[in-house]
C-alpha atoms as a PDB file:
ATOM      1  CA  UNK A   1       0.000   0.000   0.000  1.00  0.00           C
ATOM      2  CA  UNK A   2       1.423   3.360  -0.960  1.00  0.00           C
ATOM      3  CA  UNK A   3       1.504   6.473   1.153  1.00  0.00           C
ATOM      4  CA  UNK A   4      -1.160   8.269  -0.952  1.00  0.00           C
ATOM      5  CA  UNK A   5      -3.582   5.363  -0.676  1.00  0.00           C
ATOM      6  CA  UNK A   6      -3.089   5.328   3.080  1.00  0.00           C
ATOM      7  CA  UNK A   7      -3.808   9.056   3.354  1.00  0.00           C
ATOM      8  CA  UNK A   8      -6.885   8.890   1.137  1.00  0.00           C
ATOM      9  CA  UNK A   9      -8.375   6.062   3.205  1.00  0.00           C
ATOM     10  CA  UNK A  10      -8.127   8.057   6.458  1.00  0.00           C
ATOM     11  CA  UNK A  11     -10.822  10.488   7.520  1.00  0.00           C
ATOM     12  CA  UNK A  12     -10.056  14.149   8.111  1.00  0.00           C
ATOM     13  CA  UNK A  13     -10.571  13.787  11.867  1.00  0.00           C
ATOM     14  CA  UNK A  14      -8.138  10.885  12.024  1.00  0.00           C
ATOM     15  CA  UNK A  15      -5.548  12.862  10.070  1.00  0.00           C
ATOM     16  CA  UNK A  16      -5.953  15.859  12.377  1.00  0.00           C
ATOM     17  CA  UNK A  17      -5.487  13.644  15.433  1.00  0.00           C
ATOM     18  CA  UNK A  18      -2.334  12.105  13.989  1.00  0.00           C
ATOM     19  CA  UNK A  19      -0.905  15.500  13.064  1.00  0.00           C
ATOM     20  CA  UNK A  20      -1.653  16.842  16.542  1.00  0.00           C
ATOM     21  CA  UNK A  21       0.014  13.803  18.107  1.00  0.00           C
ATOM     22  CA  UNK A  22       3.088  14.264  15.925  1.00  0.00           C
ATOM     23  CA  UNK A  23       3.398  17.962  16.721  1.00  0.00           C
ATOM     24  CA  UNK A  24       3.328  17.371  20.473  1.00  0.00           C
ATOM     25  CA  UNK A  25       5.774  14.495  20.503  1.00  0.00           C
ATOM     26  CA  UNK A  26       8.775  15.712  22.494  1.00  0.00           C
ATOM     27  CA  UNK A  27      12.047  15.900  20.633  1.00  0.00           C
ATOM     28  CA  UNK A  28      14.850  14.268  22.607  1.00  0.00           C
ATOM     29  CA  UNK A  29      17.285  16.842  23.987  1.00  0.00           C
ATOM     30  CA  UNK A  30      20.728  16.928  22.514  1.00  0.00           C
ATOM     31  CA  UNK A  31      23.201  16.492  25.312  1.00  0.00           C
ATOM     32  CA  UNK A  32      26.897  17.017  25.384  1.00  0.00           C
ATOM     33  CA  UNK A  33      29.221  14.914  27.452  1.00  0.00           C
ATOM     34  CA  UNK A  34      31.052  17.772  29.190  1.00  0.00           C
ATOM     35  CA  UNK A  35      31.716  17.119  32.870  1.00  0.00           C
ATOM     36  CA  UNK A  36      32.239  19.393  35.862  1.00  0.00           C
ATOM     37  CA  UNK A  37      35.131  19.085  38.313  1.00  0.00           C
ATOM     38  CA  UNK A  38      33.226  16.406  40.243  1.00  0.00           C
ATOM     39  CA  UNK A  39      32.576  14.304  37.147  1.00  0.00           C
ATOM     40  CA  UNK A  40      28.875  15.161  36.745  1.00  0.00           C
ATOM     41  CA  UNK A  41      27.358  16.118  33.388  1.00  0.00           C
ATOM     42  CA  UNK A  42      27.280  19.886  32.918  1.00  0.00           C
ATOM     43  CA  UNK A  43      24.039  21.742  32.313  1.00  0.00           C
ATOM     44  CA  UNK A  44      23.717  22.768  28.678  1.00  0.00           C
ATOM     45  CA  UNK A  45      21.979  26.040  27.794  1.00  0.00           C
ATOM     46  CA  UNK A  46      20.674  26.406  24.252  1.00  0.00           C
ATOM     47  CA  UNK A  47      21.294  30.154  23.900  1.00  0.00           C
ATOM     48  CA  UNK A  48      23.885  32.572  25.219  1.00  0.00           C
ATOM     49  CA  UNK A  49      21.164  34.833  26.655  1.00  0.00           C
ATOM     50  CA  UNK A  50      19.630  31.927  28.598  1.00  0.00           C
ATOM     51  CA  UNK A  51      23.016  31.068  30.106  1.00  0.00           C
ATOM     52  CA  UNK A  52      23.667  34.745  30.878  1.00  0.00           C
ATOM     53  CA  UNK A  53      20.331  35.070  32.692  1.00  0.00           C
ATOM     54  CA  UNK A  54      21.014  31.989  34.835  1.00  0.00           C
ATOM     55  CA  UNK A  55      24.594  33.103  35.544  1.00  0.00           C
ATOM     56  CA  UNK A  56      23.507  36.562  36.698  1.00  0.00           C
ATOM     57  CA  UNK A  57      20.850  35.095  38.993  1.00  0.00           C
ATOM     58  CA  UNK A  58      23.278  32.580  40.475  1.00  0.00           C
ATOM     59  CA  UNK A  59      26.056  35.133  40.950  1.00  0.00           C
ATOM     60  CA  UNK A  60      23.673  37.370  42.938  1.00  0.00           C
ATOM     61  CA  UNK A  61      22.712  34.473  45.194  1.00  0.00           C
ATOM     62  CA  UNK A  62      26.132  32.909  45.797  1.00  0.00           C
ATOM     63  CA  UNK A  63      28.175  36.122  45.371  1.00  0.00           C
ATOM     64  CA  UNK A  64      30.631  34.409  43.066  1.00  0.00           C
ATOM     65  CA  UNK A  65      31.726  35.480  39.603  1.00  0.00           C
ATOM     66  CA  UNK A  66      30.434  33.145  36.899  1.00  0.00           C
ATOM     67  CA  UNK A  67      31.493  33.033  33.267  1.00  0.00           C
ATOM     68  CA  UNK A  68      29.799  31.687  30.174  1.00  0.00           C
ATOM     69  CA  UNK A  69      31.587  29.731  27.469  1.00  0.00           C
ATOM     70  CA  UNK A  70      30.574  27.808  24.374  1.00  0.00           C
ATOM     71  CA  UNK A  71      30.381  24.037  24.660  1.00  0.00           C
ATOM     72  CA  UNK A  72      33.409  22.383  23.025  1.00  0.00           C
ATOM     73  CA  UNK A  73      30.972  20.125  21.137  1.00  0.00           C
ATOM     74  CA  UNK A  74      29.195  23.273  19.765  1.00  0.00           C
ATOM     75  CA  UNK A  75      25.796  22.196  21.132  1.00  0.00           C
ATOM     76  CA  UNK A  76      25.147  25.210  23.357  1.00  0.00           C
ATOM     77  CA  UNK A  77      26.625  27.135  26.283  1.00  0.00           C
ATOM     78  CA  UNK A  78      27.933  26.293  29.761  1.00  0.00           C
ATOM     79  CA  UNK A  79      28.474  28.277  32.958  1.00  0.00           C
ATOM     80  CA  UNK A  80      31.673  28.019  34.988  1.00  0.00           C
ATOM     81  CA  UNK A  81      33.146  29.556  38.118  1.00  0.00           C
ATOM     82  CA  UNK A  82      36.642  28.452  37.068  1.00  0.00           C
ATOM     83  CA  UNK A  83      38.375  31.581  35.794  1.00  0.00           C
ATOM     84  CA  UNK A  84      41.181  29.536  34.161  1.00  0.00           C
ATOM     85  CA  UNK A  85      38.718  27.531  32.082  1.00  0.00           C
ATOM     86  CA  UNK A  86      37.027  30.670  30.807  1.00  0.00           C
END
């Protein structure tokens, strides 16, 4: 059975339900394998502005300077307190 025959045999309501289900299916997150100094996976931020917002909030709370750098795997951005790494 070809794809066009399959589509023509389905009702409009069934097609709409399938499209809705497809559009809400979560896309698996891309993760990098960068680790912190304790060996845990680092949090990956998708945009620089998102990382900057989190870093400014955290630096106000813990009173520690935080820096943002691009993930070596080019998947997003990380936050670090290590000034040598930055």
